[in-house]
Amino acid sequence: MKNSESQKLQQEIRSLKETITALRAALEEQQLECERRVQSCRQASSEQIRQLQDTIDRMRIKLEEEFYSREAHVQEVTQTLSDQLQQSQQTVIALRAQLEQARNG
């Protein structure tokens, strides 16, 4: 090989090495950017999941409060109606007794 051919080949080899180095650096940069985006998506997803869990917890608590409030109201109404029924039954018994007295009187 002639000296000029050898220099051309060495120049081409240097150029190819520089190209490989530049491509490797670009690929690494793309991989880092991709990893950053994935991490960002994970963080956003984690935040959304946490917010949804908080919302679910608040809704569960509110639902339980509503349930116990209604349950207490039902118990109160049931007790009131039971008291009224008992009072009505006692009134009926008293009126029957008065009616019996009036008939026998």
Protein backbone atom coordinates (compact mmCIF):
# COMPACT_ATOMS: atom_id res chain seq x y z
CA MET A 1 0.00 0.00 0.00
CA LYS A 2 1.11 3.45 -0.71
CA ASN A 3 1.50 6.01 2.01
CA SER A 4 -1.40 8.09 0.70
CA GLU A 5 -3.70 5.05 0.66
CA SER A 6 -2.63 4.23 4.18
CA GLN A 7 -3.35 7.78 5.27
CA LYS A 8 -6.78 7.64 3.57
CA LEU A 9 -7.60 4.38 5.32
CA GLN A 10 -6.44 5.75 8.66
CA GLN A 11 -8.49 8.90 8.04
CA GLU A 12 -11.51 6.75 7.18
CA ILE A 13 -10.97 4.60 10.28
CA ARG A 14 -10.70 7.75 12.44
CA SER A 15 -13.84 9.10 10.83
CA LEU A 16 -15.70 5.83 11.43
CA LYS A 17 -14.52 5.76 15.07
CA GLU A 18 -15.73 9.34 15.54
CA THR A 19 -19.06 8.42 13.94
CA ILE A 20 -19.38 5.39 16.22
CA THR A 21 -18.55 7.52 19.26
CA ALA A 22 -21.07 10.18 18.25
CA LEU A 23 -23.76 7.56 17.58
CA ARG A 24 -23.05 5.86 20.92
CA ALA A 25 -23.34 9.21 22.73
CA ALA A 26 -26.60 10.01 20.91
CA LEU A 27 -27.99 6.57 21.75
CA GLU A 28 -27.04 6.93 25.41
CA GLU A 29 -28.67 10.37 25.50
CA GLN A 30 -31.86 8.95 23.98
CA GLN A 31 -31.85 6.11 26.51
CA LEU A 32 -31.42 8.58 29.37
CA GLU A 33 -34.25 10.74 28.02
CA CYS A 34 -36.46 7.68 27.66
CA GLU A 35 -35.68 6.63 31.25
CA ARG A 36 -36.47 10.17 32.46
CA ARG A 37 -39.83 10.10 30.68
CA VAL A 38 -40.64 6.66 32.08
CA GLN A 39 -39.74 7.86 35.57
CA SER A 40 -41.87 10.96 35.11
CA CYS A 41 -44.81 8.81 33.98
CA ARG A 42 -44.35 6.52 36.98
CA GLN A 43 -44.35 9.48 39.35
CA ALA A 44 -47.44 10.96 37.71
CA SER A 45 -49.20 7.58 37.86
CA SER A 46 -48.23 7.12 41.49
CA GLU A 47 -49.61 10.57 42.32
CA GLN A 48 -52.86 9.85 40.48
CA ILE A 49 -53.20 6.50 42.25
CA ARG A 50 -52.59 8.19 45.62
CA GLN A 51 -55.21 10.85 44.82
CA LEU A 52 -57.70 8.18 43.76
CA GLN A 53 -57.04 6.20 46.93
CA ASP A 54 -57.58 9.34 49.02
CA THR A 55 -60.83 10.02 47.17
CA ILE A 56 -61.96 6.42 47.71
CA ASP A 57 -61.13 6.66 51.42
CA ARG A 58 -63.07 9.93 51.78
CA MET A 59 -66.04 8.46 49.90
CA ARG A 60 -65.94 5.29 52.03
CA ILE A 61 -65.93 7.36 55.22
CA LYS A 62 -68.78 9.52 53.95
CA LEU A 63 -70.76 6.43 52.94
CA GLU A 64 -70.21 4.88 56.38
CA GLU A 65 -71.27 8.11 58.06
CA GLU A 66 -74.40 8.22 55.88
CA PHE A 67 -75.15 4.57 56.70
CA TYR A 68 -74.80 5.09 60.46
CA SER A 69 -76.76 8.32 60.31
CA ARG A 70 -79.61 6.61 58.46
CA GLU A 71 -79.39 3.59 60.72
CA ALA A 72 -79.71 5.88 63.75
CA HIS A 73 -82.64 7.67 62.11
CA VAL A 74 -84.35 4.34 61.37
CA GLN A 75 -83.82 3.26 64.98
CA GLU A 76 -85.24 6.56 66.21
CA VAL A 77 -88.28 6.34 63.94
CA THR A 78 -88.80 2.69 64.87
CA GLN A 79 -88.66 3.54 68.57
CA THR A 80 -91.08 6.47 68.10
CA LEU A 81 -93.54 4.29 66.20
CA SER A 82 -93.20 1.53 68.79
CA ASP A 83 -93.90 4.04 71.58
CA GLN A 84 -96.90 5.40 69.68
CA LEU A 85 -98.22 1.88 69.08
CA GLN A 86 -97.81 1.01 72.74
CA GLN A 87 -99.55 4.23 73.76
CA SER A 88 -102.39 3.54 71.30
CA GLN A 89 -102.76 0.01 72.65
CA GLN A 90 -102.94 1.35 76.21
CA THR A 91 -105.53 3.92 75.10
CA VAL A 92 -107.60 1.17 73.47
CA ILE A 93 -107.37 -0.92 76.65
CA ALA A 94 -108.40 2.08 78.79
CA LEU A 95 -111.31 2.93 76.46
CA ARG A 96 -112.49 -0.68 76.51
CA ALA A 97 -112.37 -0.65 80.27
CA GLN A 98 -114.40 2.60 80.34
CA LEU A 99 -116.88 1.14 77.88
CA GLU A 100 -117.25 -1.99 80.01
CA GLN A 101 -117.79 0.18 83.07
CA ALA A 102 -120.38 2.26 81.28
CA ARG A 103 -122.26 -0.85 80.17
CA ASN A 104 -122.14 -2.40 83.61
CA GLY A 105 -122.60 0.92 85.36
